[in-house]
Amino acid sequence: AGGSLRLSCVASGRPFSGYTMAWFRQAPGKEREF
């Protein structure tokens, strides 16, 4: 707790710049959330 992380997501297969990108997460026992 109190620390930091940086997540990366690399896209391939199609042009990238025109895409809206997002991160979601799902905690144990919970629904996936924005």
All heavy atoms as atom14 arrays in JSON, in Angstrom:
{
  "sequence": "AGGSLRLSCVASGRPFSGYTMAWFRQAPGKEREF",
  "atom14_mask": [
    [1, 1, 1, 1, 1, 0, 0, 0, 0, 0, 0, 0, 0, 0],
    [1, 1, 1, 1, 0, 0, 0, 0, 0, 0, 0, 0, 0, 0],
    [1, 1, 1, 1, 0, 0, 0, 0, 0, 0, 0, 0, 0, 0],
    [1, 1, 1, 1, 1, 1, 0, 0, 0, 0, 0, 0, 0, 0],
    [1, 1, 1, 1, 1, 1, 1, 1, 0, 0, 0, 0, 0, 0],
    [1, 1, 1, 1, 1, 1, 1, 1, 1, 1, 1, 0, 0, 0],
    [1, 1, 1, 1, 1, 1, 1, 1, 0, 0, 0, 0, 0, 0],
    [1, 1, 1, 1, 1, 1, 0, 0, 0, 0, 0, 0, 0, 0],
    [1, 1, 1, 1, 1, 1, 0, 0, 0, 0, 0, 0, 0, 0],
    [1, 1, 1, 1, 1, 1, 1, 0, 0, 0, 0, 0, 0, 0],
    [1, 1, 1, 1, 1, 0, 0, 0, 0, 0, 0, 0, 0, 0],
    [1, 1, 1, 1, 1, 1, 0, 0, 0, 0, 0, 0, 0, 0],
    [1, 1, 1, 1, 0, 0, 0, 0, 0, 0, 0, 0, 0, 0],
    [1, 1, 1, 1, 1, 1, 1, 1, 1, 1, 1, 0, 0, 0],
    [1, 1, 1, 1, 1, 1, 1, 0, 0, 0, 0, 0, 0, 0],
    [1, 1, 1, 1, 1, 1, 1, 1, 1, 1, 1, 0, 0, 0],
    [1, 1, 1, 1, 1, 1, 0, 0, 0, 0, 0, 0, 0, 0],
    [1, 1, 1, 1, 0, 0, 0, 0, 0, 0, 0, 0, 0, 0],
    [1, 1, 1, 1, 1, 1, 1, 1, 1, 1, 1, 1, 0, 0],
    [1, 1, 1, 1, 1, 1, 1, 0, 0, 0, 0, 0, 0, 0],
    [1, 1, 1, 1, 1, 1, 1, 1, 0, 0, 0, 0, 0, 0],
    [1, 1, 1, 1, 1, 0, 0, 0, 0, 0, 0, 0, 0, 0],
    [1, 1, 1, 1, 1, 1, 1, 1, 1, 1, 1, 1, 1, 1],
    [1, 1, 1, 1, 1, 1, 1, 1, 1, 1, 1, 0, 0, 0],
    [1, 1, 1, 1, 1, 1, 1, 1, 1, 1, 1, 0, 0, 0],
    [1, 1, 1, 1, 1, 1, 1, 1, 1, 0, 0, 0, 0, 0],
    [1, 1, 1, 1, 1, 0, 0, 0, 0, 0, 0, 0, 0, 0],
    [1, 1, 1, 1, 1, 1, 1, 0, 0, 0, 0, 0, 0, 0],
    [1, 1, 1, 1, 0, 0, 0, 0, 0, 0, 0, 0, 0, 0],
    [1, 1, 1, 1, 1, 1, 1, 1, 1, 0, 0, 0, 0, 0],
    [1, 1, 1, 1, 1, 1, 1, 1, 1, 0, 0, 0, 0, 0],
    [1, 1, 1, 1, 1, 1, 1, 1, 1, 1, 1, 0, 0, 0],
    [1, 1, 1, 1, 1, 1, 1, 1, 1, 0, 0, 0, 0, 0],
    [1, 1, 1, 1, 1, 1, 1, 1, 1, 1, 1, 0, 0, 0]
  ],
  "atom14_positions": [
    [[0.83, -1.2, 0.0], [0.0, 0.0, 0.0], [0.87, 1.25, 0.0], [1.87, 1.33, 0.71], [-0.93, 0.0, 1.2], [0.0, 0.0, 0.0], [0.0, 0.0, 0.0], [0.0, 0.0, 0.0], [0.0, 0.0, 0.0], [0.0, 0.0, 0.0], [0.0, 0.0, 0.0], [0.0, 0.0, 0.0], [0.0, 0.0, 0.0], [0.0, 0.0, 0.0]],
    [[0.47, 2.22, -0.81], [1.23, 3.44, -0.96], [2.21, 3.4, -2.12], [2.75, 4.45, -2.49], [0.0, 0.0, 0.0], [0.0, 0.0, 0.0], [0.0, 0.0, 0.0], [0.0, 0.0, 0.0], [0.0, 0.0, 0.0], [0.0, 0.0, 0.0], [0.0, 0.0, 0.0], [0.0, 0.0, 0.0], [0.0, 0.0, 0.0], [0.0, 0.0, 0.0]],
    [[2.42, 2.24, -2.69], [3.35, 2.09, -3.78], [2.74, 2.42, -5.12], [1.58, 2.83, -5.22], [0.0, 0.0, 0.0], [0.0, 0.0, 0.0], [0.0, 0.0, 0.0], [0.0, 0.0, 0.0], [0.0, 0.0, 0.0], [0.0, 0.0, 0.0], [0.0, 0.0, 0.0], [0.0, 0.0, 0.0], [0.0, 0.0, 0.0], [0.0, 0.0, 0.0]],
    [[3.53, 2.2, -6.18], [3.12, 2.55, -7.53], [3.4, 1.42, -8.5], [4.3, 0.61, -8.3], [3.86, 3.81, -8.01], [3.59, 4.93, -7.2], [0.0, 0.0, 0.0], [0.0, 0.0, 0.0], [0.0, 0.0, 0.0], [0.0, 0.0, 0.0], [0.0, 0.0, 0.0], [0.0, 0.0, 0.0], [0.0, 0.0, 0.0], [0.0, 0.0, 0.0]],
    [[2.61, 1.39, -9.55], [2.81, 0.49, -10.67], [2.43, 1.22, -11.95], [1.59, 2.11, -11.93], [1.97, -0.78, -10.55], [2.36, -1.83, -9.52], [1.28, -2.91, -9.45], [3.71, -2.46, -9.88], [0.0, 0.0, 0.0], [0.0, 0.0, 0.0], [0.0, 0.0, 0.0], [0.0, 0.0, 0.0], [0.0, 0.0, 0.0], [0.0, 0.0, 0.0]],
    [[3.04, 0.82, -13.05], [2.65, 1.33, -14.35], [2.29, 0.17, -15.26], [3.13, -0.68, -15.55], [3.74, 2.18, -15.01], [3.24, 2.88, -16.28], [4.27, 3.77, -16.92], [5.29, 3.01, -17.64], [6.05, 3.51, -18.61], [5.9, 4.78, -18.98], [6.96, 2.75, -19.19], [0.0, 0.0, 0.0], [0.0, 0.0, 0.0], [0.0, 0.0, 0.0]],
    [[1.05, 0.15, -15.7], [0.59, -0.86, -16.62], [0.75, -0.39, -18.06], [0.6, 0.8, -18.35], [-0.88, -1.19, -16.37], [-1.27, -1.6, -14.95], [-2.75, -1.97, -14.9], [-0.41, -2.76, -14.45], [0.0, 0.0, 0.0], [0.0, 0.0, 0.0], [0.0, 0.0, 0.0], [0.0, 0.0, 0.0], [0.0, 0.0, 0.0], [0.0, 0.0, 0.0]],
    [[1.05, -1.32, -18.94], [1.18, -1.02, -20.35], [0.27, -1.95, -21.15], [0.04, -3.09, -20.77], [2.63, -1.21, -20.83], [3.51, -0.35, -20.15], [0.0, 0.0, 0.0], [0.0, 0.0, 0.0], [0.0, 0.0, 0.0], [0.0, 0.0, 0.0], [0.0, 0.0, 0.0], [0.0, 0.0, 0.0], [0.0, 0.0, 0.0], [0.0, 0.0, 0.0]],
    [[-0.23, -1.44, -22.25], [-1.05, -2.23, -23.15], [-0.61, -1.93, -24.57], [-0.71, -0.79, -25.03], [-2.53, -1.89, -22.96], [-3.64, -2.67, -24.17], [0.0, 0.0, 0.0], [0.0, 0.0, 0.0], [0.0, 0.0, 0.0], [0.0, 0.0, 0.0], [0.0, 0.0, 0.0], [0.0, 0.0, 0.0], [0.0, 0.0, 0.0], [0.0, 0.0, 0.0]],
    [[-0.14, -2.94, -25.26], [0.33, -2.8, -26.63], [-0.73, -3.36, -27.57], [-1.18, -4.49, -27.4], [1.67, -3.52, -26.84], [2.12, -3.38, -28.29], [2.72, -2.96, -25.91], [0.0, 0.0, 0.0], [0.0, 0.0, 0.0], [0.0, 0.0, 0.0], [0.0, 0.0, 0.0], [0.0, 0.0, 0.0], [0.0, 0.0, 0.0], [0.0, 0.0, 0.0]],
    [[-1.1, -2.56, -28.56], [-2.11, -2.96, -29.53], [-1.47, -3.32, -30.85], [-0.51, -2.67, -31.3], [-3.12, -1.83, -29.74], [0.0, 0.0, 0.0], [0.0, 0.0, 0.0], [0.0, 0.0, 0.0], [0.0, 0.0, 0.0], [0.0, 0.0, 0.0], [0.0, 0.0, 0.0], [0.0, 0.0, 0.0], [0.0, 0.0, 0.0], [0.0, 0.0, 0.0]],
    [[-1.99, -4.34, -31.49], [-1.49, -4.75, -32.79], [-2.64, -5.19, -33.67], [-3.72, -5.52, -33.19], [-0.47, -5.89, -32.65], [-1.08, -7.04, -32.1], [0.0, 0.0, 0.0], [0.0, 0.0, 0.0], [0.0, 0.0, 0.0], [0.0, 0.0, 0.0], [0.0, 0.0, 0.0], [0.0, 0.0, 0.0], [0.0, 0.0, 0.0], [0.0, 0.0, 0.0]],
    [[-2.41, -5.2, -34.98], [-3.39, -5.7, -35.92], [-4.16, -4.63, -36.68], [-4.63, -4.89, -37.78], [0.0, 0.0, 0.0], [0.0, 0.0, 0.0], [0.0, 0.0, 0.0], [0.0, 0.0, 0.0], [0.0, 0.0, 0.0], [0.0, 0.0, 0.0], [0.0, 0.0, 0.0], [0.0, 0.0, 0.0], [0.0, 0.0, 0.0], [0.0, 0.0, 0.0]],
    [[-4.32, -3.47, -36.12], [-5.06, -2.37, -36.72], [-4.4, -1.05, -36.35], [-3.66, -0.98, -35.38], [-6.52, -2.36, -36.26], [-7.34, -3.56, -36.69], [-7.72, -3.48, -38.14], [-8.47, -4.65, -38.57], [-9.78, -4.84, -38.38], [-10.5, -3.9, -37.79], [-10.36, -5.95, -38.8], [0.0, 0.0, 0.0], [0.0, 0.0, 0.0], [0.0, 0.0, 0.0]],
    [[-4.71, 0.01, -37.11], [-4.21, 1.32, -36.7], [-4.66, 1.66, -35.29], [-5.8, 1.43, -34.91], [-4.83, 2.27, -37.73], [-5.03, 1.43, -38.95], [-5.41, 0.07, -38.43], [0.0, 0.0, 0.0], [0.0, 0.0, 0.0], [0.0, 0.0, 0.0], [0.0, 0.0, 0.0], [0.0, 0.0, 0.0], [0.0, 0.0, 0.0], [0.0, 0.0, 0.0]],
    [[-3.76, 2.25, -34.52], [-3.98, 2.46, -33.11], [-4.5, 3.85, -32.76], [-5.32, 4.0, -31.86], [-2.67, 2.2, -32.36], [-2.71, 2.52, -30.9], [-3.36, 1.68, -30.01], [-2.1, 3.66, -30.41], [-3.39, 1.96, -28.66], [-2.12, 3.95, -29.06], [-2.77, 3.1, -28.18], [0.0, 0.0, 0.0], [0.0, 0.0, 0.0], [0.0, 0.0, 0.0]],
    [[-4.06, 4.86, -33.48], [-4.32, 6.23, -33.08], [-5.8, 6.59, -33.06], [-6.21, 7.46, -32.29], [-3.56, 7.2, -33.98], [-3.98, 7.07, -35.33], [0.0, 0.0, 0.0], [0.0, 0.0, 0.0], [0.0, 0.0, 0.0], [0.0, 0.0, 0.0], [0.0, 0.0, 0.0], [0.0, 0.0, 0.0], [0.0, 0.0, 0.0], [0.0, 0.0, 0.0]],
    [[-6.61, 5.95, -33.87], [-8.02, 6.27, -33.93], [-8.88, 5.54, -32.9], [-10.09, 5.77, -32.85], [0.0, 0.0, 0.0], [0.0, 0.0, 0.0], [0.0, 0.0, 0.0], [0.0, 0.0, 0.0], [0.0, 0.0, 0.0], [0.0, 0.0, 0.0], [0.0, 0.0, 0.0], [0.0, 0.0, 0.0], [0.0, 0.0, 0.0], [0.0, 0.0, 0.0]],
    [[-8.29, 4.7, -32.11], [-9.04, 3.91, -31.14], [-9.15, 4.62, -29.81], [-8.17, 5.18, -29.31], [-8.36, 2.56, -30.91], [-8.53, 1.55, -32.02], [-7.99, 1.77, -33.27], [-9.23, 0.37, -31.79], [-8.15, 0.84, -34.28], [-9.38, -0.56, -32.79], [-8.84, -0.33, -34.03], [-8.99, -1.27, -35.03], [0.0, 0.0, 0.0], [0.0, 0.0, 0.0]],
    [[-10.34, 4.59, -29.23], [-10.48, 4.95, -27.83], [-10.0, 3.77, -26.98], [-10.39, 2.63, -27.23], [-11.92, 5.3, -27.49], [-12.31, 6.47, -28.22], [-12.09, 5.55, -26.0], [0.0, 0.0, 0.0], [0.0, 0.0, 0.0], [0.0, 0.0, 0.0], [0.0, 0.0, 0.0], [0.0, 0.0, 0.0], [0.0, 0.0, 0.0], [0.0, 0.0, 0.0]],
    [[-9.17, 4.06, -26.0], [-8.6, 3.02, -25.16], [-9.07, 3.19, -23.73], [-9.32, 4.31, -23.27], [-7.08, 3.06, -25.22], [-6.49, 2.99, -26.61], [-6.8, 1.39, -27.42], [-5.89, 0.28, -26.34], [0.0, 0.0, 0.0], [0.0, 0.0, 0.0], [0.0, 0.0, 0.0], [0.0, 0.0, 0.0], [0.0, 0.0, 0.0], [0.0, 0.0, 0.0]],
    [[-9.16, 2.09, -23.02], [-9.66, 2.14, -21.65], [-9.04, 1.05, -20.81], [-8.51, 0.06, -21.33], [-11.18, 2.02, -21.63], [0.0, 0.0, 0.0], [0.0, 0.0, 0.0], [0.0, 0.0, 0.0], [0.0, 0.0, 0.0], [0.0, 0.0, 0.0], [0.0, 0.0, 0.0], [0.0, 0.0, 0.0], [0.0, 0.0, 0.0], [0.0, 0.0, 0.0]],
    [[-9.13, 1.25, -19.51], [-8.75, 0.25, -18.53], [-9.95, -0.06, -17.66], [-10.63, 0.84, -17.18], [-7.6, 0.73, -17.64], [-6.28, 0.84, -18.35], [-5.74, 1.94, -18.91], [-5.33, -0.21, -18.53], [-4.51, 1.65, -19.45], [-4.24, 0.33, -19.23], [-5.3, -1.56, -18.17], [-3.11, -0.42, -19.58], [-4.19, -2.32, -18.53], [-3.11, -1.74, -19.22]],
    [[-10.2, -1.33, -17.46], [-11.19, -1.83, -16.52], [-10.49, -2.73, -15.53], [-9.38, -3.19, -15.77], [-12.3, -2.6, -17.24], [-13.23, -1.76, -18.06], [-12.84, -1.25, -19.29], [-14.51, -1.47, -17.6], [-13.69, -0.47, -20.05], [-15.38, -0.69, -18.35], [-14.97, -0.2, -19.57], [0.0, 0.0, 0.0], [0.0, 0.0, 0.0], [0.0, 0.0, 0.0]],
    [[-11.15, -2.99, -14.42], [-10.59, -3.92, -13.46], [-11.71, -4.73, -12.82], [-12.86, -4.32, -12.8], [-9.79, -3.2, -12.38], [-10.62, -2.34, -11.43], [-9.73, -1.56, -10.49], [-10.49, -0.75, -9.55], [-9.97, 0.15, -8.74], [-8.64, 0.35, -8.74], [-10.75, 0.84, -7.91], [0.0, 0.0, 0.0], [0.0, 0.0, 0.0], [0.0, 0.0, 0.0]],
    [[-11.34, -5.89, -12.31], [-12.29, -6.75, -11.65], [-11.66, -7.29, -10.37], [-10.68, -8.03, -10.42], [-12.72, -7.9, -12.55], [-13.83, -8.75, -11.98], [-14.42, -9.69, -13.0], [-13.77, -10.06, -13.98], [-15.67, -10.08, -12.8], [0.0, 0.0, 0.0], [0.0, 0.0, 0.0], [0.0, 0.0, 0.0], [0.0, 0.0, 0.0], [0.0, 0.0, 0.0]],
    [[-12.22, -6.88, -9.26], [-11.76, -7.35, -7.96], [-12.44, -8.67, -7.63], [-13.51, -8.98, -8.16], [-12.06, -6.31, -6.88], [0.0, 0.0, 0.0], [0.0, 0.0, 0.0], [0.0, 0.0, 0.0], [0.0, 0.0, 0.0], [0.0, 0.0, 0.0], [0.0, 0.0, 0.0], [0.0, 0.0, 0.0], [0.0, 0.0, 0.0], [0.0, 0.0, 0.0]],
    [[-11.84, -9.47, -6.76], [-12.45, -10.74, -6.38], [-13.87, -10.55, -5.85], [-14.1, -9.73, -4.97], [-11.52, -11.27, -5.29], [-10.2, -10.64, -5.6], [-10.53, -9.27, -6.12], [0.0, 0.0, 0.0], [0.0, 0.0, 0.0], [0.0, 0.0, 0.0], [0.0, 0.0, 0.0], [0.0, 0.0, 0.0], [0.0, 0.0, 0.0], [0.0, 0.0, 0.0]],
    [[-14.81, -11.29, -6.4], [-16.18, -11.22, -5.96], [-16.97, -10.02, -6.43], [-18.12, -9.84, -6.01], [0.0, 0.0, 0.0], [0.0, 0.0, 0.0], [0.0, 0.0, 0.0], [0.0, 0.0, 0.0], [0.0, 0.0, 0.0], [0.0, 0.0, 0.0], [0.0, 0.0, 0.0], [0.0, 0.0, 0.0], [0.0, 0.0, 0.0], [0.0, 0.0, 0.0]],
    [[-16.39, -9.21, -7.3], [-17.06, -8.01, -7.77], [-17.2, -8.03, -9.29], [-16.53, -8.79, -9.99], [-16.31, -6.75, -7.34], [-16.31, -6.5, -5.85], [-15.68, -5.17, -5.52], [-15.75, -4.85, -4.04], [-15.15, -3.51, -3.74], [0.0, 0.0, 0.0], [0.0, 0.0, 0.0], [0.0, 0.0, 0.0], [0.0, 0.0, 0.0], [0.0, 0.0, 0.0]],
    [[-18.08, -7.16, -9.77], [-18.25, -6.99, -11.21], [-17.07, -6.21, -11.78], [-16.4, -5.45, -11.07], [-19.55, -6.26, -11.5], [-20.81, -6.97, -11.04], [-21.13, -8.17, -11.9], [-20.78, -8.16, -13.1], [-21.73, -9.12, -11.38], [0.0, 0.0, 0.0], [0.0, 0.0, 0.0], [0.0, 0.0, 0.0], [0.0, 0.0, 0.0], [0.0, 0.0, 0.0]],
    [[-16.84, -6.39, -13.05], [-15.82, -5.6, -13.72], [-16.24, -4.14, -13.73], [-17.4, -3.82, -14.02], [-15.62, -6.11, -15.14], [-14.48, -5.43, -15.89], [-14.14, -6.17, -17.17], [-15.27, -6.23, -18.07], [-15.3, -6.96, -19.17], [-14.26, -7.73, -19.49], [-16.37, -6.95, -19.95], [0.0, 0.0, 0.0], [0.0, 0.0, 0.0], [0.0, 0.0, 0.0]],
    [[-15.32, -3.25, -13.41], [-15.64, -1.84, -13.3], [-14.68, -0.99, -14.12], [-13.52, -1.33, -14.34], [-15.61, -1.39, -11.83], [-14.24, -1.44, -11.19], [-14.23, -0.88, -9.78], [-15.25, -0.33, -9.34], [-13.18, -1.0, -9.11], [0.0, 0.0, 0.0], [0.0, 0.0, 0.0], [0.0, 0.0, 0.0], [0.0, 0.0, 0.0], [0.0, 0.0, 0.0]],
    [[-15.2, 0.14, -14.52], [-14.42, 1.1, -15.29], [-13.37, 1.76, -14.43], [-13.62, 2.1, -13.27], [-15.37, 2.16, -15.87], [-14.67, 3.32, -16.51], [-14.17, 3.22, -17.8], [-14.51, 4.51, -15.83], [-13.53, 4.28, -18.4], [-13.88, 5.58, -16.42], [-13.38, 5.46, -17.71], [0.0, 0.0, 0.0], [0.0, 0.0, 0.0], [0.0, 0.0, 0.0]]
  ]
}
